[in-house]
Amino acid sequence: MKWNIRLSDLETFNYLIIWLGVIALFVYTPITVIDSGVINYGLILSVLLYVFEYIEIAVTFPLYIQQLIRLKEISNRLAE
């Protein structure tokens, strides 16, 4: 049970780091686009949509890593 708690804590910490980075990116991007001097609403919208796509990938990345580790463990067990 100790290992499950440690793994849960590690996963929570990983998601905390990812979400802090995502929030910082989401706040920084529109400010940078607006400060560039070009107030083009289409540009702001397109940049925010790209940021949303990046957020979607960044949030699901740890899940892909976990699946990869599980598959490697299963293949190692089958090879034994």
PDB file of N, CA and C in Angstrom:
ATOM      1  N   MET A   1       0.808  -1.191   0.000  1.00  0.00           N
ATOM      2  CA  MET A   1       0.000   0.000   0.000  1.00  0.00           C
ATOM      3  C   MET A   1       0.864   1.273   0.000  1.00  0.00           C
ATOM      4  N   LYS A   2       2.055   1.164   0.648  1.00  0.00           N
ATOM      5  CA  LYS A   2       2.971   2.304   0.683  1.00  0.00           C
ATOM      6  C   LYS A   2       3.377   2.739  -0.722  1.00  0.00           C
ATOM      7  N   TRP A   3       3.631   1.754  -1.597  1.00  0.00           N
ATOM      8  CA  TRP A   3       4.054   2.066  -2.958  1.00  0.00           C
ATOM      9  C   TRP A   3       2.926   2.723  -3.747  1.00  0.00           C
ATOM     10  N   ASN A   4       1.708   2.295  -3.517  1.00  0.00           N
ATOM     11  CA  ASN A   4       0.577   2.924  -4.210  1.00  0.00           C
ATOM     12  C   ASN A   4       0.420   4.385  -3.809  1.00  0.00           C
ATOM     13  N   ILE A   5       0.650   4.658  -2.539  1.00  0.00           N
ATOM     14  CA  ILE A   5       0.566   6.045  -2.066  1.00  0.00           C
ATOM     15  C   ILE A   5       1.683   6.877  -2.680  1.00  0.00           C
ATOM     16  N   ARG A   6       2.879   6.332  -2.734  1.00  0.00           N
ATOM     17  CA  ARG A   6       4.009   7.069  -3.329  1.00  0.00           C
ATOM     18  C   ARG A   6       3.781   7.314  -4.818  1.00  0.00           C
ATOM     19  N   LEU A   7       3.262   6.307  -5.526  1.00  0.00           N
ATOM     20  CA  LEU A   7       2.977   6.481  -6.945  1.00  0.00           C
ATOM     21  C   LEU A   7       1.890   7.533  -7.159  1.00  0.00           C
ATOM     22  N   SER A   8       0.888   7.527  -6.304  1.00  0.00           N
ATOM     23  CA  SER A   8      -0.171   8.523  -6.399  1.00  0.00           C
ATOM     24  C   SER A   8       0.369   9.922  -6.132  1.00  0.00           C
ATOM     25  N   ASP A   9       1.235  10.052  -5.148  1.00  0.00           N
ATOM     26  CA  ASP A   9       1.846  11.350  -4.857  1.00  0.00           C
ATOM     27  C   ASP A   9       2.710  11.832  -6.017  1.00  0.00           C
ATOM     28  N   LEU A  10       3.455  10.918  -6.614  1.00  0.00           N
ATOM     29  CA  LEU A  10       4.297  11.274  -7.753  1.00  0.00           C
ATOM     30  C   LEU A  10       3.451  11.712  -8.946  1.00  0.00           C
ATOM     31  N   GLU A  11       2.364  11.006  -9.192  1.00  0.00           N
ATOM     32  CA  GLU A  11       1.485  11.375 -10.294  1.00  0.00           C
ATOM     33  C   GLU A  11       0.845  12.741 -10.048  1.00  0.00           C
ATOM     34  N   THR A  12       0.453  12.994  -8.822  1.00  0.00           N
ATOM     35  CA  THR A  12      -0.123  14.297  -8.480  1.00  0.00           C
ATOM     36  C   THR A  12       0.895  15.407  -8.675  1.00  0.00           C
ATOM     37  N   PHE A  13       2.121  15.181  -8.262  1.00  0.00           N
ATOM     38  CA  PHE A  13       3.178  16.179  -8.438  1.00  0.00           C
ATOM     39  C   PHE A  13       3.448  16.435  -9.920  1.00  0.00           C
ATOM     40  N   ASN A  14       3.478  15.368 -10.728  1.00  0.00           N
ATOM     41  CA  ASN A  14       3.694  15.533 -12.168  1.00  0.00           C
ATOM     42  C   ASN A  14       2.596  16.379 -12.802  1.00  0.00           C
ATOM     43  N   TYR A  15       1.347  16.072 -12.454  1.00  0.00           N
ATOM     44  CA  TYR A  15       0.247  16.846 -13.007  1.00  0.00           C
ATOM     45  C   TYR A  15       0.265  18.288 -12.507  1.00  0.00           C
ATOM     46  N   LEU A  16       0.694  18.514 -11.283  1.00  0.00           N
ATOM     47  CA  LEU A  16       0.814  19.875 -10.768  1.00  0.00           C
ATOM     48  C   LEU A  16       1.807  20.673 -11.600  1.00  0.00           C
ATOM     49  N   ILE A  17       2.957  20.087 -11.867  1.00  0.00           N
ATOM     50  CA  ILE A  17       3.976  20.771 -12.678  1.00  0.00           C
ATOM     51  C   ILE A  17       3.448  21.058 -14.077  1.00  0.00           C
ATOM     52  N   ILE A  18       2.790  20.069 -14.673  1.00  0.00           N
ATOM     53  CA  ILE A  18       2.258  20.248 -16.028  1.00  0.00           C
ATOM     54  C   ILE A  18       1.203  21.354 -16.046  1.00  0.00           C
ATOM     55  N   TRP A  19       0.275  21.331 -15.081  1.00  0.00           N
ATOM     56  CA  TRP A  19      -0.792  22.332 -15.076  1.00  0.00           C
ATOM     57  C   TRP A  19      -0.261  23.726 -14.774  1.00  0.00           C
ATOM     58  N   LEU A  20       0.749  23.848 -13.939  1.00  0.00           N
ATOM     59  CA  LEU A  20       1.342  25.171 -13.703  1.00  0.00           C
ATOM     60  C   LEU A  20       1.983  25.710 -14.979  1.00  0.00           C
ATOM     61  N   GLY A  21       2.664  24.839 -15.703  1.00  0.00           N
ATOM     62  CA  GLY A  21       3.250  25.247 -16.976  1.00  0.00           C
ATOM     63  C   GLY A  21       2.203  25.622 -18.006  1.00  0.00           C
ATOM     64  N   VAL A  22       1.118  24.865 -18.046  1.00  0.00           N
ATOM     65  CA  VAL A  22       0.043  25.132 -18.997  1.00  0.00           C
ATOM     66  C   VAL A  22      -0.638  26.461 -18.678  1.00  0.00           C
ATOM     67  N   ILE A  23      -0.903  26.711 -17.413  1.00  0.00           N
ATOM     68  CA  ILE A  23      -1.538  27.974 -17.023  1.00  0.00           C
ATOM     69  C   ILE A  23      -0.614  29.150 -17.331  1.00  0.00           C
ATOM     70  N   ALA A  24       0.671  28.988 -17.060  1.00  0.00           N
ATOM     71  CA  ALA A  24       1.622  30.057 -17.372  1.00  0.00           C
ATOM     72  C   ALA A  24       1.662  30.325 -18.875  1.00  0.00           C
ATOM     73  N   LEU A  25       1.642  29.266 -19.674  1.00  0.00           N
ATOM     74  CA  LEU A  25       1.637  29.430 -21.133  1.00  0.00           C
ATOM     75  C   LEU A  25       0.356  30.096 -21.596  1.00  0.00           C
ATOM     76  N   PHE A  26      -0.760  29.696 -21.002  1.00  0.00           N
ATOM     77  CA  PHE A  26      -2.050  30.243 -21.412  1.00  0.00           C
ATOM     78  C   PHE A  26      -2.175  31.721 -21.044  1.00  0.00           C
ATOM     79  N   VAL A  27      -1.536  32.154 -19.983  1.00  0.00           N
ATOM     80  CA  VAL A  27      -1.559  33.568 -19.603  1.00  0.00           C
ATOM     81  C   VAL A  27      -0.524  34.361 -20.406  1.00  0.00           C
ATOM     82  N   TYR A  28       0.636  33.779 -20.629  1.00  0.00           N
ATOM     83  CA  TYR A  28       1.744  34.468 -21.303  1.00  0.00           C
ATOM     84  C   TYR A  28       1.467  34.709 -22.791  1.00  0.00           C
ATOM     85  N   THR A  29       0.840  33.738 -23.449  1.00  0.00           N
ATOM     86  CA  THR A  29       0.661  33.818 -24.899  1.00  0.00           C
ATOM     87  C   THR A  29      -0.187  35.016 -25.338  1.00  0.00           C
ATOM     88  N   PRO A  30      -1.397  35.217 -24.809  1.00  0.00           N
ATOM     89  CA  PRO A  30      -2.154  36.385 -25.280  1.00  0.00           C
ATOM     90  C   PRO A  30      -1.497  37.715 -24.934  1.00  0.00           C
ATOM     91  N   ILE A  31      -0.832  37.768 -23.791  1.00  0.00           N
ATOM     92  CA  ILE A  31      -0.150  39.006 -23.411  1.00  0.00           C
ATOM     93  C   ILE A  31       0.956  39.322 -24.411  1.00  0.00           C
ATOM     94  N   THR A  32       1.690  38.295 -24.828  1.00  0.00           N
ATOM     95  CA  THR A  32       2.767  38.488 -25.790  1.00  0.00           C
ATOM     96  C   THR A  32       2.231  38.910 -27.152  1.00  0.00           C
ATOM     97  N   VAL A  33       1.137  38.288 -27.582  1.00  0.00           N
ATOM     98  CA  VAL A  33       0.558  38.630 -28.886  1.00  0.00           C
ATOM     99  C   VAL A  33       0.022  40.057 -28.862  1.00  0.00           C
ATOM    100  N   ILE A  34      -0.632  40.444 -27.782  1.00  0.00           N
ATOM    101  CA  ILE A  34      -1.192  41.800 -27.698  1.00  0.00           C
ATOM    102  C   ILE A  34      -0.073  42.842 -27.592  1.00  0.00           C
ATOM    103  N   ASP A  35       1.002  42.510 -26.880  1.00  0.00           N
ATOM    104  CA  ASP A  35       2.119  43.450 -26.737  1.00  0.00           C
ATOM    105  C   ASP A  35       2.952  43.595 -27.995  1.00  0.00           C
ATOM    106  N   SER A  36       2.755  42.712 -28.968  1.00  0.00           N
ATOM    107  CA  SER A  36       3.546  42.798 -30.196  1.00  0.00           C
ATOM    108  C   SER A  36       3.161  44.007 -31.036  1.00  0.00           C
ATOM    109  N   GLY A  37       2.064  44.670 -30.671  1.00  0.00           N
ATOM    110  CA  GLY A  37       1.670  45.875 -31.388  1.00  0.00           C
ATOM    111  C   GLY A  37       0.637  45.610 -32.468  1.00  0.00           C
ATOM    112  N   VAL A  38       0.448  44.367 -32.832  1.00  0.00           N
ATOM    113  CA  VAL A  38      -0.527  44.023 -33.853  1.00  0.00           C
ATOM    114  C   VAL A  38      -1.784  43.544 -33.149  1.00  0.00           C
ATOM    115  N   ILE A  39      -2.829  44.335 -33.210  1.00  0.00           N
ATOM    116  CA  ILE A  39      -4.093  43.932 -32.582  1.00  0.00           C
ATOM    117  C   ILE A  39      -4.961  43.356 -33.697  1.00  0.00           C
ATOM    118  N   ASN A  40      -4.719  42.104 -33.964  1.00  0.00           N
ATOM    119  CA  ASN A  40      -5.496  41.384 -34.968  1.00  0.00           C
ATOM    120  C   ASN A  40      -6.202  40.253 -34.232  1.00  0.00           C
ATOM    121  N   TYR A  41      -7.512  40.340 -34.157  1.00  0.00           N
ATOM    122  CA  TYR A  41      -8.257  39.373 -33.357  1.00  0.00           C
ATOM    123  C   TYR A  41      -8.169  37.966 -33.931  1.00  0.00           C
ATOM    124  N   GLY A  42      -8.031  37.849 -35.224  1.00  0.00           N
ATOM    125  CA  GLY A  42      -7.841  36.536 -35.838  1.00  0.00           C
ATOM    126  C   GLY A  42      -6.526  35.910 -35.408  1.00  0.00           C
ATOM    127  N   LEU A  43      -5.484  36.732 -35.304  1.00  0.00           N
ATOM    128  CA  LEU A  43      -4.183  36.244 -34.855  1.00  0.00           C
ATOM    129  C   LEU A  43      -4.250  35.774 -33.404  1.00  0.00           C
ATOM    130  N   ILE A  44      -4.910  36.551 -32.570  1.00  0.00           N
ATOM    131  CA  ILE A  44      -5.042  36.170 -31.160  1.00  0.00           C
ATOM    132  C   ILE A  44      -5.819  34.867 -31.034  1.00  0.00           C
ATOM    133  N   LEU A  45      -6.908  34.742 -31.793  1.00  0.00           N
ATOM    134  CA  LEU A  45      -7.717  33.526 -31.753  1.00  0.00           C
ATOM    135  C   LEU A  45      -6.935  32.319 -32.235  1.00  0.00           C
ATOM    136  N   SER A  46      -6.190  32.471 -33.332  1.00  0.00           N
ATOM    137  CA  SER A  46      -5.428  31.331 -33.854  1.00  0.00           C
ATOM    138  C   SER A  46      -4.326  30.908 -32.887  1.00  0.00           C
ATOM    139  N   VAL A  47      -3.672  31.860 -32.255  1.00  0.00           N
ATOM    140  CA  VAL A  47      -2.632  31.523 -31.286  1.00  0.00           C
ATOM    141  C   VAL A  47      -3.233  30.800 -30.083  1.00  0.00           C
ATOM    142  N   LEU A  48      -4.379  31.263 -29.610  1.00  0.00           N
ATOM    143  CA  LEU A  48      -5.035  30.598 -28.484  1.00  0.00           C
ATOM    144  C   LEU A  48      -5.492  29.185 -28.854  1.00  0.00           C
ATOM    145  N   LEU A  49      -5.941  28.989 -30.086  1.00  0.00           N
ATOM    146  CA  LEU A  49      -6.324  27.643 -30.508  1.00  0.00           C
ATOM    147  C   LEU A  49      -5.113  26.716 -30.558  1.00  0.00           C
ATOM    148  N   TYR A  50      -3.972  27.228 -31.022  1.00  0.00           N
ATOM    149  CA  TYR A  50      -2.743  26.427 -30.993  1.00  0.00           C
ATOM    150  C   TYR A  50      -2.349  26.086 -29.559  1.00  0.00           C
ATOM    151  N   VAL A  51      -2.524  27.038 -28.659  1.00  0.00           N
ATOM    152  CA  VAL A  51      -2.205  26.788 -27.256  1.00  0.00           C
ATOM    153  C   VAL A  51      -3.138  25.725 -26.681  1.00  0.00           C
ATOM    154  N   PHE A  52      -4.423  25.769 -27.036  1.00  0.00           N
ATOM    155  CA  PHE A  52      -5.350  24.738 -26.579  1.00  0.00           C
ATOM    156  C   PHE A  52      -4.941  23.356 -27.071  1.00  0.00           C
ATOM    157  N   GLU A  53      -4.507  23.259 -28.333  1.00  0.00           N
ATOM    158  CA  GLU A  53      -4.039  21.973 -28.860  1.00  0.00           C
ATOM    159  C   GLU A  53      -2.808  21.495 -28.097  1.00  0.00           C
ATOM    160  N   TYR A  54      -1.895  22.396 -27.811  1.00  0.00           N
ATOM    161  CA  TYR A  54      -0.701  22.035 -27.050  1.00  0.00           C
ATOM    162  C   TYR A  54      -1.073  21.567 -25.649  1.00  0.00           C
ATOM    163  N   ILE A  55      -2.031  22.248 -25.031  1.00  0.00           N
ATOM    164  CA  ILE A  55      -2.478  21.869 -23.688  1.00  0.00           C
ATOM    165  C   ILE A  55      -3.048  20.460 -23.705  1.00  0.00           C
ATOM    166  N   GLU A  56      -3.837  20.154 -24.717  1.00  0.00           N
ATOM    167  CA  GLU A  56      -4.424  18.824 -24.821  1.00  0.00           C
ATOM    168  C   GLU A  56      -3.348  17.746 -24.912  1.00  0.00           C
ATOM    169  N   ILE A  57      -2.317  17.999 -25.682  1.00  0.00           N
ATOM    170  CA  ILE A  57      -1.222  17.043 -25.815  1.00  0.00           C
ATOM    171  C   ILE A  57      -0.414  16.954 -24.522  1.00  0.00           C
ATOM    172  N   ALA A  58      -0.139  18.089 -23.906  1.00  0.00           N
ATOM    173  CA  ALA A  58       0.684  18.099 -22.689  1.00  0.00           C
ATOM    174  C   ALA A  58       0.002  17.400 -21.526  1.00  0.00           C
ATOM    175  N   VAL A  59      -1.314  17.506 -21.448  1.00  0.00           N
ATOM    176  CA  VAL A  59      -2.031  16.888 -20.338  1.00  0.00           C
ATOM    177  C   VAL A  59      -2.115  15.368 -20.507  1.00  0.00           C
ATOM    178  N   THR A  60      -2.217  14.902 -21.732  1.00  0.00           N
ATOM    179  CA  THR A  60      -2.327  13.454 -21.957  1.00  0.00           C
ATOM    180  C   THR A  60      -0.971  12.757 -22.042  1.00  0.00           C
ATOM    181  N   PHE A  61       0.100  13.509 -22.111  1.00  0.00           N
ATOM    182  CA  PHE A  61       1.434  12.912 -22.239  1.00  0.00           C
ATOM    183  C   PHE A  61       1.791  11.950 -21.098  1.00  0.00           C
ATOM    184  N   PRO A  62       1.548  12.297 -19.826  1.00  0.00           N
ATOM    185  CA  PRO A  62       1.872  11.342 -18.756  1.00  0.00           C
ATOM    186  C   PRO A  62       1.093  10.026 -18.868  1.00  0.00           C
ATOM    187  N   LEU A  63      -0.131  10.089 -19.369  1.00  0.00           N
ATOM    188  CA  LEU A  63      -0.903   8.860 -19.552  1.00  0.00           C
ATOM    189  C   LEU A  63      -0.259   7.953 -20.588  1.00  0.00           C
ATOM    190  N   TYR A  64       0.258   8.541 -21.659  1.00  0.00           N
ATOM    191  CA  TYR A  64       0.946   7.753 -22.680  1.00  0.00           C
ATOM    192  C   TYR A  64       2.218   7.116 -22.125  1.00  0.00           C
ATOM    193  N   ILE A  65       2.925   7.861 -21.304  1.00  0.00           N
ATOM    194  CA  ILE A  65       4.145   7.317 -20.687  1.00  0.00           C
ATOM    195  C   ILE A  65       3.802   6.148 -19.774  1.00  0.00           C
ATOM    196  N   GLN A  66       2.735   6.270 -18.984  1.00  0.00           N
ATOM    197  CA  GLN A  66       2.323   5.178 -18.109  1.00  0.00           C
ATOM    198  C   GLN A  66       1.932   3.947 -18.915  1.00  0.00           C
ATOM    199  N   GLN A  67       1.212   4.134 -20.008  1.00  0.00           N
ATOM    200  CA  GLN A  67       0.825   3.004 -20.847  1.00  0.00           C
ATOM    201  C   GLN A  67       2.058   2.329 -21.451  1.00  0.00           C
ATOM    202  N   LEU A  68       3.035   3.125 -21.865  1.00  0.00           N
ATOM    203  CA  LEU A  68       4.263   2.573 -22.424  1.00  0.00           C
ATOM    204  C   LEU A  68       5.007   1.745 -21.384  1.00  0.00           C
ATOM    205  N   ILE A  69       5.088   2.237 -20.163  1.00  0.00           N
ATOM    206  CA  ILE A  69       5.760   1.498 -19.088  1.00  0.00           C
ATOM    207  C   ILE A  69       5.024   0.198 -18.800  1.00  0.00           C
ATOM    208  N   ARG A  70       3.686   0.251 -18.757  1.00  0.00           N
ATOM    209  CA  ARG A  70       2.904  -0.969 -18.513  1.00  0.00           C
ATOM    210  C   ARG A  70       3.116  -1.999 -19.610  1.00  0.00           C
ATOM    211  N   LEU A  71       3.140  -1.543 -20.850  1.00  0.00           N
ATOM    212  CA  LEU A  71       3.358  -2.468 -21.963  1.00  0.00           C
ATOM    213  C   LEU A  71       4.744  -3.094 -21.904  1.00  0.00           C
ATOM    214  N   LYS A  72       5.743  -2.322 -21.522  1.00  0.00           N
ATOM    215  CA  LYS A  72       7.097  -2.870 -21.384  1.00  0.00           C
ATOM    216  C   LYS A  72       7.155  -3.905 -20.270  1.00  0.00           C
ATOM    217  N   GLU A  73       6.489  -3.631 -19.153  1.00  0.00           N
ATOM    218  CA  GLU A  73       6.471  -4.591 -18.044  1.00  0.00           C
ATOM    219  C   GLU A  73       5.771  -5.882 -18.453  1.00  0.00           C
ATOM    220  N   ILE A  74       4.669  -5.773 -19.153  1.00  0.00           N
ATOM    221  CA  ILE A  74       3.932  -6.960 -19.604  1.00  0.00           C
ATOM    222  C   ILE A  74       4.768  -7.747 -20.599  1.00  0.00           C
ATOM    223  N   SER A  75       5.429  -7.060 -21.517  1.00  0.00           N
ATOM    224  CA  SER A  75       6.254  -7.794 -22.495  1.00  0.00           C
ATOM    225  C   SER A  75       7.451  -8.466 -21.820  1.00  0.00           C
ATOM    226  N   ASN A  76       8.010  -7.834 -20.786  1.00  0.00           N
ATOM    227  CA  ASN A  76       9.105  -8.464 -20.038  1.00  0.00           C
ATOM    228  C   ASN A  76       8.613  -9.713 -19.297  1.00  0.00           C
ATOM    229  N   ARG A  77       7.419  -9.647 -18.740  1.00  0.00           N
ATOM    230  CA  ARG A  77       6.863 -10.812 -18.049  1.00  0.00           C
ATOM    231  C   ARG A  77       6.582 -11.950 -19.023  1.00  0.00           C
ATOM    232  N   LEU A  78       6.103 -11.615 -20.198  1.00  0.00           N
ATOM    233  CA  LEU A  78       5.814 -12.651 -21.197  1.00  0.00           C
ATOM    234  C   LEU A  78       7.095 -13.266 -21.745  1.00  0.00           C
ATOM    235  N   ALA A  79       8.151 -12.491 -21.798  1.00  0.00           N
ATOM    236  CA  ALA A  79       9.428 -12.994 -22.323  1.00  0.00           C
ATOM    237  C   ALA A  79      10.119 -13.925 -21.348  1.00  0.00           C
ATOM    238  N   GLU A  80       9.778 -13.848 -20.077  1.00  0.00           N
ATOM    239  CA  GLU A  80      10.449 -14.692 -19.060  1.00  0.00           C
ATOM    240  C   GLU A  80      10.010 -16.101 -19.114  1.00  0.00           C
TER     241      GLU A  80
END
